[in-house]
Amino acid sequence: MEIERKFTLRSLPDDLDQYPHTDLSQAYICRDPVIRIRKAGNSYELTVKGEGLLSREELNLPLKEEVYLDLLSKHEGKIIEKTRYRIPLDPYMIELDVFHGENEGKILAEVEFPSEEEANVFTPPSWFLDDVTYDLRWHNVHMAFDDSPGL
């Protein structure tokens, strides 16, 4: 089960590059259900996501590079390119995504929780701006398929 809230940012943290970060590339094989493939460094995975916005089932499976490349040739929509920074916020971890390519300029922070109760009482840091957990436009699958002017 994945339980996470999504936020836009008021500002980026100072010295962002001091935090561990990885370049990610992800594409979608299907929207319903959401089936995503992702390359993170030299790792590859396939993810199946259930329905829901705050919480949903999520299954991650490792892929070999050749399987990833074969599936990539079958993707739908745009490929999402981003750099993900991992910023500790005790006891949580902020995953801050800086988007590139067709989503250049978008920045999104996600925080995962062990329960919906913790997610609902979470107080975001002052540099977070809006909670966009329930705004579909901020979900990566929507960014991959949406052609409307954006966020």
N, C-alpha and C. Protein backbone atom coordinates (compact mmCIF):
# COMPACT_ATOMS: atom_id res chain seq x y z
N MET A 1 0.85 -1.18 0.00
CA MET A 1 0.00 0.00 0.00
C MET A 1 0.89 1.24 0.00
N GLU A 2 0.60 2.15 -0.90
CA GLU A 2 1.30 3.42 -0.95
C GLU A 2 0.36 4.49 -0.39
N ILE A 3 0.85 5.23 0.60
CA ILE A 3 0.08 6.34 1.18
C ILE A 3 0.97 7.56 1.09
N GLU A 4 0.58 8.54 0.27
CA GLU A 4 1.44 9.71 0.09
C GLU A 4 0.62 10.96 -0.18
N ARG A 5 1.20 12.08 0.23
CA ARG A 5 0.64 13.39 -0.09
C ARG A 5 1.61 14.10 -1.02
N LYS A 6 1.06 14.94 -1.89
CA LYS A 6 1.83 15.67 -2.89
C LYS A 6 1.68 17.17 -2.65
N PHE A 7 2.78 17.90 -2.83
CA PHE A 7 2.78 19.34 -2.57
C PHE A 7 3.55 20.09 -3.65
N THR A 8 3.05 21.28 -4.00
CA THR A 8 3.86 22.21 -4.76
C THR A 8 4.75 22.92 -3.74
N LEU A 9 5.72 23.70 -4.24
CA LEU A 9 6.68 24.33 -3.35
C LEU A 9 6.64 25.84 -3.42
N ARG A 10 6.84 26.46 -2.28
CA ARG A 10 7.01 27.90 -2.18
C ARG A 10 8.40 28.27 -2.68
N SER A 11 9.38 27.43 -2.32
CA SER A 11 10.77 27.64 -2.73
C SER A 11 11.51 26.32 -2.62
N LEU A 12 12.62 26.23 -3.31
CA LEU A 12 13.47 25.04 -3.20
C LEU A 12 14.33 25.15 -1.95
N PRO A 13 14.67 24.04 -1.34
CA PRO A 13 15.58 24.11 -0.19
C PRO A 13 16.96 24.59 -0.63
N ASP A 14 17.66 25.23 0.30
CA ASP A 14 19.03 25.66 0.02
C ASP A 14 19.90 24.44 -0.23
N ASP A 15 20.91 24.59 -1.07
CA ASP A 15 21.88 23.52 -1.33
C ASP A 15 21.21 22.21 -1.72
N LEU A 16 20.28 22.28 -2.66
CA LEU A 16 19.54 21.11 -3.08
C LEU A 16 20.46 19.97 -3.51
N ASP A 17 21.55 20.30 -4.17
CA ASP A 17 22.45 19.25 -4.68
C ASP A 17 23.19 18.49 -3.60
N GLN A 18 23.11 18.94 -2.34
CA GLN A 18 23.75 18.19 -1.26
C GLN A 18 22.99 16.90 -0.94
N TYR A 19 21.74 16.82 -1.38
CA TYR A 19 20.92 15.65 -1.07
C TYR A 19 21.10 14.59 -2.15
N PRO A 20 20.99 13.32 -1.77
CA PRO A 20 21.09 12.26 -2.79
C PRO A 20 20.01 12.46 -3.85
N HIS A 21 20.39 12.25 -5.09
CA HIS A 21 19.42 12.41 -6.17
C HIS A 21 19.72 11.45 -7.31
N THR A 22 18.66 11.16 -8.06
CA THR A 22 18.72 10.21 -9.15
C THR A 22 17.90 10.76 -10.31
N ASP A 23 18.40 10.58 -11.52
CA ASP A 23 17.62 10.93 -12.70
C ASP A 23 16.69 9.76 -13.02
N LEU A 24 15.42 10.06 -13.22
CA LEU A 24 14.41 9.05 -13.50
C LEU A 24 13.79 9.31 -14.88
N SER A 25 13.48 8.22 -15.54
CA SER A 25 12.74 8.27 -16.79
C SER A 25 11.63 7.23 -16.66
N GLN A 26 10.40 7.66 -16.90
CA GLN A 26 9.30 6.71 -16.75
C GLN A 26 8.29 6.90 -17.87
N ALA A 27 7.68 5.78 -18.23
CA ALA A 27 6.70 5.78 -19.30
C ALA A 27 5.54 4.86 -18.90
N TYR A 28 4.43 5.06 -19.56
CA TYR A 28 3.22 4.33 -19.20
C TYR A 28 2.82 3.38 -20.32
N ILE A 29 2.56 2.14 -19.91
CA ILE A 29 2.11 1.11 -20.83
C ILE A 29 0.58 1.13 -20.91
N CYS A 30 -0.04 1.55 -19.82
CA CYS A 30 -1.50 1.54 -19.73
C CYS A 30 -1.92 2.56 -18.67
N ARG A 31 -3.11 3.16 -18.85
CA ARG A 31 -3.65 4.11 -17.87
C ARG A 31 -4.66 3.49 -16.93
N ASP A 32 -5.34 2.43 -17.35
CA ASP A 32 -6.40 1.85 -16.53
C ASP A 32 -6.37 0.33 -16.66
N PRO A 33 -5.66 -0.34 -15.78
CA PRO A 33 -4.97 0.19 -14.60
C PRO A 33 -3.66 0.88 -14.99
N VAL A 34 -3.13 1.68 -14.08
CA VAL A 34 -1.87 2.36 -14.33
C VAL A 34 -0.75 1.32 -14.28
N ILE A 35 -0.06 1.19 -15.43
CA ILE A 35 1.11 0.33 -15.51
C ILE A 35 2.25 1.20 -16.03
N ARG A 36 3.28 1.32 -15.21
CA ARG A 36 4.39 2.23 -15.48
C ARG A 36 5.69 1.44 -15.53
N ILE A 37 6.61 1.88 -16.39
CA ILE A 37 7.97 1.37 -16.36
C ILE A 37 8.88 2.54 -16.01
N ARG A 38 9.94 2.24 -15.27
CA ARG A 38 10.83 3.31 -14.81
C ARG A 38 12.29 2.86 -14.89
N LYS A 39 13.12 3.81 -15.32
CA LYS A 39 14.57 3.65 -15.27
C LYS A 39 15.08 4.63 -14.24
N ALA A 40 15.84 4.13 -13.27
CA ALA A 40 16.46 4.96 -12.23
C ALA A 40 17.93 4.55 -12.17
N GLY A 41 18.81 5.38 -12.76
CA GLY A 41 20.21 4.98 -12.84
C GLY A 41 20.32 3.74 -13.71
N ASN A 42 20.87 2.67 -13.15
CA ASN A 42 21.00 1.40 -13.88
C ASN A 42 19.96 0.38 -13.42
N SER A 43 18.90 0.84 -12.76
CA SER A 43 17.84 -0.05 -12.29
C SER A 43 16.58 0.20 -13.10
N TYR A 44 15.81 -0.87 -13.27
CA TYR A 44 14.59 -0.80 -14.06
C TYR A 44 13.48 -1.51 -13.30
N GLU A 45 12.26 -0.95 -13.37
CA GLU A 45 11.14 -1.61 -12.70
C GLU A 45 9.83 -1.36 -13.44
N LEU A 46 8.91 -2.27 -13.20
CA LEU A 46 7.54 -2.15 -13.67
C LEU A 46 6.67 -1.97 -12.44
N THR A 47 5.75 -1.03 -12.51
CA THR A 47 4.86 -0.74 -11.38
C THR A 47 3.41 -0.80 -11.85
N VAL A 48 2.59 -1.46 -11.06
CA VAL A 48 1.15 -1.49 -11.27
C VAL A 48 0.52 -0.76 -10.08
N LYS A 49 -0.30 0.25 -10.38
CA LYS A 49 -0.93 1.04 -9.32
C LYS A 49 -2.44 0.83 -9.33
N GLY A 50 -3.00 0.67 -8.14
CA GLY A 50 -4.44 0.55 -8.00
C GLY A 50 -5.10 1.92 -8.02
N GLU A 51 -6.40 1.93 -7.76
CA GLU A 51 -7.15 3.18 -7.75
C GLU A 51 -6.93 3.91 -6.43
N GLY A 52 -7.09 5.22 -6.46
CA GLY A 52 -6.98 6.03 -5.26
C GLY A 52 -6.04 7.19 -5.46
N LEU A 53 -6.12 8.17 -4.57
CA LEU A 53 -5.26 9.35 -4.66
C LEU A 53 -4.35 9.47 -3.44
N LEU A 54 -4.89 9.44 -2.23
CA LEU A 54 -4.07 9.48 -1.03
C LEU A 54 -3.42 8.13 -0.78
N SER A 55 -4.19 7.07 -0.94
CA SER A 55 -3.64 5.72 -0.72
C SER A 55 -4.14 4.79 -1.81
N ARG A 56 -3.26 3.87 -2.19
CA ARG A 56 -3.62 2.88 -3.20
C ARG A 56 -2.61 1.75 -3.19
N GLU A 57 -3.06 0.64 -3.70
CA GLU A 57 -2.18 -0.51 -3.83
C GLU A 57 -1.12 -0.20 -4.88
N GLU A 58 0.09 -0.69 -4.62
CA GLU A 58 1.17 -0.50 -5.58
C GLU A 58 2.05 -1.73 -5.55
N LEU A 59 2.35 -2.25 -6.73
CA LEU A 59 3.20 -3.43 -6.86
C LEU A 59 4.37 -3.05 -7.75
N ASN A 60 5.60 -3.22 -7.23
CA ASN A 60 6.82 -2.93 -7.99
C ASN A 60 7.56 -4.22 -8.28
N LEU A 61 7.95 -4.40 -9.54
CA LEU A 61 8.68 -5.59 -9.95
C LEU A 61 9.95 -5.18 -10.68
N PRO A 62 11.09 -5.77 -10.34
CA PRO A 62 12.32 -5.43 -11.06
C PRO A 62 12.25 -5.95 -12.50
N LEU A 63 12.91 -5.21 -13.39
CA LEU A 63 12.99 -5.60 -14.80
C LEU A 63 14.46 -5.67 -15.23
N LYS A 64 14.74 -6.50 -16.20
CA LYS A 64 16.04 -6.48 -16.86
C LYS A 64 16.00 -5.35 -17.89
N GLU A 65 17.17 -4.81 -18.20
CA GLU A 65 17.23 -3.68 -19.13
C GLU A 65 16.57 -4.01 -20.47
N GLU A 66 16.82 -5.20 -21.00
CA GLU A 66 16.25 -5.54 -22.31
C GLU A 66 14.73 -5.62 -22.27
N VAL A 67 14.16 -6.04 -21.16
CA VAL A 67 12.70 -6.07 -21.03
C VAL A 67 12.16 -4.65 -20.93
N TYR A 68 12.85 -3.81 -20.15
CA TYR A 68 12.48 -2.39 -20.05
C TYR A 68 12.46 -1.75 -21.44
N LEU A 69 13.52 -1.96 -22.22
CA LEU A 69 13.61 -1.35 -23.54
C LEU A 69 12.53 -1.86 -24.47
N ASP A 70 12.20 -3.14 -24.38
CA ASP A 70 11.12 -3.69 -25.19
C ASP A 70 9.79 -3.05 -24.81
N LEU A 71 9.52 -2.94 -23.51
CA LEU A 71 8.27 -2.31 -23.06
C LEU A 71 8.25 -0.82 -23.41
N LEU A 72 9.40 -0.16 -23.34
CA LEU A 72 9.48 1.26 -23.66
C LEU A 72 9.01 1.52 -25.09
N SER A 73 9.32 0.59 -25.99
CA SER A 73 8.90 0.76 -27.39
C SER A 73 7.38 0.68 -27.53
N LYS A 74 6.68 0.23 -26.50
CA LYS A 74 5.23 0.08 -26.54
C LYS A 74 4.49 1.13 -25.69
N HIS A 75 5.23 2.10 -25.15
CA HIS A 75 4.60 3.06 -24.22
C HIS A 75 3.58 3.95 -24.92
N GLU A 76 2.69 4.53 -24.10
CA GLU A 76 1.70 5.49 -24.56
C GLU A 76 2.01 6.84 -23.92
N GLY A 77 1.65 7.91 -24.57
CA GLY A 77 1.84 9.24 -23.98
C GLY A 77 3.29 9.69 -23.99
N LYS A 78 3.56 10.71 -23.20
CA LYS A 78 4.90 11.29 -23.10
C LYS A 78 5.74 10.54 -22.08
N ILE A 79 7.02 10.53 -22.29
CA ILE A 79 7.95 9.99 -21.30
C ILE A 79 8.20 11.08 -20.27
N ILE A 80 8.10 10.74 -19.01
CA ILE A 80 8.33 11.68 -17.91
C ILE A 80 9.81 11.60 -17.52
N GLU A 81 10.48 12.75 -17.54
CA GLU A 81 11.89 12.85 -17.15
C GLU A 81 11.96 13.77 -15.93
N LYS A 82 12.71 13.33 -14.91
CA LYS A 82 12.81 14.15 -13.71
C LYS A 82 14.04 13.75 -12.91
N THR A 83 14.46 14.66 -12.06
CA THR A 83 15.49 14.36 -11.07
C THR A 83 14.80 14.30 -9.73
N ARG A 84 15.01 13.21 -9.01
CA ARG A 84 14.39 13.02 -7.70
C ARG A 84 15.44 13.20 -6.62
N TYR A 85 15.17 14.14 -5.70
CA TYR A 85 16.02 14.40 -4.53
C TYR A 85 15.37 13.77 -3.32
N ARG A 86 16.15 13.15 -2.47
CA ARG A 86 15.64 12.53 -1.23
C ARG A 86 16.11 13.39 -0.06
N ILE A 87 15.14 14.05 0.58
CA ILE A 87 15.43 15.01 1.64
C ILE A 87 14.80 14.51 2.95
N PRO A 88 15.62 14.22 3.95
CA PRO A 88 15.06 13.73 5.21
C PRO A 88 14.25 14.80 5.93
N LEU A 89 13.12 14.38 6.49
CA LEU A 89 12.28 15.23 7.33
C LEU A 89 11.76 14.29 8.42
N ASP A 90 12.53 14.13 9.46
CA ASP A 90 12.29 13.13 10.50
C ASP A 90 10.83 13.14 10.98
N PRO A 91 10.16 12.02 10.94
CA PRO A 91 10.61 10.66 10.63
C PRO A 91 10.38 10.27 9.17
N TYR A 92 10.10 11.23 8.29
CA TYR A 92 9.71 10.94 6.92
C TYR A 92 10.85 11.24 5.94
N MET A 93 10.59 10.94 4.67
CA MET A 93 11.51 11.28 3.60
C MET A 93 10.72 12.03 2.54
N ILE A 94 11.21 13.22 2.19
CA ILE A 94 10.60 13.98 1.10
C ILE A 94 11.27 13.52 -0.19
N GLU A 95 10.46 13.18 -1.17
CA GLU A 95 10.96 12.91 -2.51
C GLU A 95 10.56 14.11 -3.36
N LEU A 96 11.56 14.92 -3.68
CA LEU A 96 11.33 16.16 -4.41
C LEU A 96 11.70 15.93 -5.87
N ASP A 97 10.72 16.09 -6.76
CA ASP A 97 10.93 15.85 -8.18
C ASP A 97 11.02 17.18 -8.92
N VAL A 98 12.13 17.35 -9.65
CA VAL A 98 12.32 18.48 -10.55
C VAL A 98 12.19 17.92 -11.97
N PHE A 99 11.15 18.33 -12.67
CA PHE A 99 10.83 17.76 -13.97
C PHE A 99 11.64 18.42 -15.08
N HIS A 100 11.88 17.63 -16.12
CA HIS A 100 12.62 18.09 -17.30
C HIS A 100 11.79 17.82 -18.55
N GLY A 101 12.33 18.17 -19.69
CA GLY A 101 11.66 17.87 -20.96
C GLY A 101 10.34 18.60 -21.07
N GLU A 102 9.29 17.87 -21.48
CA GLU A 102 7.99 18.49 -21.72
C GLU A 102 7.32 19.02 -20.46
N ASN A 103 7.81 18.61 -19.30
CA ASN A 103 7.26 19.11 -18.03
C ASN A 103 8.23 20.04 -17.31
N GLU A 104 9.18 20.58 -18.06
CA GLU A 104 10.18 21.49 -17.51
C GLU A 104 9.50 22.60 -16.70
N GLY A 105 10.05 22.88 -15.55
CA GLY A 105 9.52 23.95 -14.70
C GLY A 105 8.61 23.46 -13.59
N LYS A 106 8.12 22.24 -13.72
CA LYS A 106 7.27 21.70 -12.65
C LYS A 106 8.16 21.11 -11.56
N ILE A 107 7.76 21.35 -10.33
CA ILE A 107 8.47 20.82 -9.16
C ILE A 107 7.40 20.31 -8.20
N LEU A 108 7.64 19.11 -7.67
CA LEU A 108 6.64 18.47 -6.83
C LEU A 108 7.33 17.72 -5.70
N ALA A 109 6.80 17.86 -4.50
CA ALA A 109 7.32 17.10 -3.35
C ALA A 109 6.27 16.07 -2.95
N GLU A 110 6.74 14.85 -2.68
CA GLU A 110 5.87 13.78 -2.20
C GLU A 110 6.40 13.28 -0.87
N VAL A 111 5.49 12.98 0.04
CA VAL A 111 5.87 12.41 1.34
C VAL A 111 5.02 11.17 1.55
N GLU A 112 5.69 10.04 1.80
CA GLU A 112 4.98 8.79 2.06
C GLU A 112 4.81 8.57 3.56
N PHE A 113 3.72 7.90 3.92
CA PHE A 113 3.36 7.68 5.32
C PHE A 113 3.02 6.23 5.56
N PRO A 114 3.19 5.78 6.81
CA PRO A 114 2.82 4.41 7.14
C PRO A 114 1.32 4.21 7.32
N SER A 115 0.57 5.31 7.49
CA SER A 115 -0.88 5.18 7.68
C SER A 115 -1.58 6.44 7.16
N GLU A 116 -2.86 6.31 6.85
CA GLU A 116 -3.64 7.47 6.44
C GLU A 116 -3.77 8.47 7.60
N GLU A 117 -3.83 7.95 8.82
CA GLU A 117 -3.94 8.84 9.99
C GLU A 117 -2.73 9.77 10.06
N GLU A 118 -1.53 9.21 9.89
CA GLU A 118 -0.33 10.06 9.91
C GLU A 118 -0.33 11.04 8.74
N ALA A 119 -0.77 10.58 7.58
CA ALA A 119 -0.82 11.46 6.42
C ALA A 119 -1.74 12.64 6.68
N ASN A 120 -2.86 12.38 7.32
CA ASN A 120 -3.86 13.43 7.55
C ASN A 120 -3.46 14.44 8.61
N VAL A 121 -2.56 14.10 9.52
CA VAL A 121 -2.15 15.05 10.56
C VAL A 121 -0.78 15.67 10.27
N PHE A 122 -0.17 15.31 9.16
CA PHE A 122 1.15 15.83 8.78
C PHE A 122 1.11 17.34 8.60
N THR A 123 2.06 18.03 9.21
CA THR A 123 2.22 19.46 9.01
C THR A 123 3.42 19.69 8.10
N PRO A 124 3.18 20.18 6.89
CA PRO A 124 4.29 20.35 5.95
C PRO A 124 5.24 21.47 6.37
N PRO A 125 6.50 21.38 5.94
CA PRO A 125 7.45 22.46 6.24
C PRO A 125 7.04 23.76 5.55
N SER A 126 7.58 24.86 6.01
CA SER A 126 7.17 26.18 5.51
C SER A 126 7.48 26.39 4.03
N TRP A 127 8.42 25.66 3.48
CA TRP A 127 8.77 25.86 2.06
C TRP A 127 7.84 25.10 1.12
N PHE A 128 6.90 24.29 1.67
CA PHE A 128 5.85 23.68 0.85
C PHE A 128 4.77 24.74 0.63
N LEU A 129 4.04 24.62 -0.48
CA LEU A 129 2.99 25.59 -0.79
C LEU A 129 1.61 24.94 -0.71
N ASP A 130 1.15 24.35 -1.80
CA ASP A 130 -0.20 23.78 -1.84
C ASP A 130 -0.18 22.26 -1.78
N ASP A 131 -1.16 21.70 -1.09
CA ASP A 131 -1.38 20.26 -1.08
C ASP A 131 -2.16 19.93 -2.35
N VAL A 132 -1.54 19.15 -3.26
CA VAL A 132 -2.17 18.82 -4.54
C VAL A 132 -2.43 17.32 -4.65
N THR A 133 -2.52 16.66 -3.50
CA THR A 133 -2.76 15.22 -3.47
C THR A 133 -3.98 14.83 -4.29
N TYR A 134 -5.04 15.61 -4.21
CA TYR A 134 -6.29 15.27 -4.88
C TYR A 134 -6.47 15.98 -6.22
N ASP A 135 -5.43 16.64 -6.70
CA ASP A 135 -5.46 17.34 -7.99
C ASP A 135 -4.81 16.43 -9.03
N LEU A 136 -5.62 15.82 -9.88
CA LEU A 136 -5.13 14.84 -10.85
C LEU A 136 -4.04 15.41 -11.76
N ARG A 137 -4.05 16.72 -12.00
CA ARG A 137 -3.04 17.31 -12.89
C ARG A 137 -1.62 17.10 -12.38
N TRP A 138 -1.46 16.84 -11.08
CA TRP A 138 -0.13 16.67 -10.49
C TRP A 138 0.27 15.20 -10.38
N HIS A 139 -0.51 14.31 -10.92
CA HIS A 139 -0.13 12.90 -10.94
C HIS A 139 0.62 12.63 -12.24
N ASN A 140 1.74 11.93 -12.15
CA ASN A 140 2.62 11.72 -13.29
C ASN A 140 1.90 11.12 -14.48
N VAL A 141 0.98 10.19 -14.24
CA VAL A 141 0.25 9.57 -15.35
C VAL A 141 -0.54 10.63 -16.10
N HIS A 142 -1.08 11.60 -15.40
CA HIS A 142 -1.82 12.67 -16.07
C HIS A 142 -0.86 13.54 -16.89
N MET A 143 0.31 13.84 -16.33
CA MET A 143 1.30 14.64 -17.05
C MET A 143 1.73 13.94 -18.34
N ALA A 144 1.77 12.63 -18.33
CA ALA A 144 2.20 11.87 -19.51
C ALA A 144 1.17 11.93 -20.63
N PHE A 145 -0.10 12.15 -20.30
CA PHE A 145 -1.14 12.10 -21.31
C PHE A 145 -1.83 13.43 -21.57
N ASP A 146 -1.66 14.40 -20.72
CA ASP A 146 -2.39 15.66 -20.83
C ASP A 146 -1.70 16.60 -21.81
N ASP A 147 -2.46 17.15 -22.75
CA ASP A 147 -1.92 18.11 -23.71
C ASP A 147 -2.41 19.53 -23.42
N SER A 148 -3.20 19.70 -22.37
CA SER A 148 -3.74 21.03 -22.08
C SER A 148 -2.66 21.90 -21.46
N PRO A 149 -2.78 23.22 -21.60
CA PRO A 149 -1.81 24.09 -20.98
C PRO A 149 -1.85 23.89 -19.48
N GLY A 150 -0.71 24.11 -18.89
CA GLY A 150 -0.66 23.49 -17.61
C GLY A 150 -0.47 24.28 -16.39
N LEU A 151 0.17 23.58 -15.55
CA LEU A 151 0.37 24.01 -14.17
C LEU A 151 1.56 24.93 -14.11
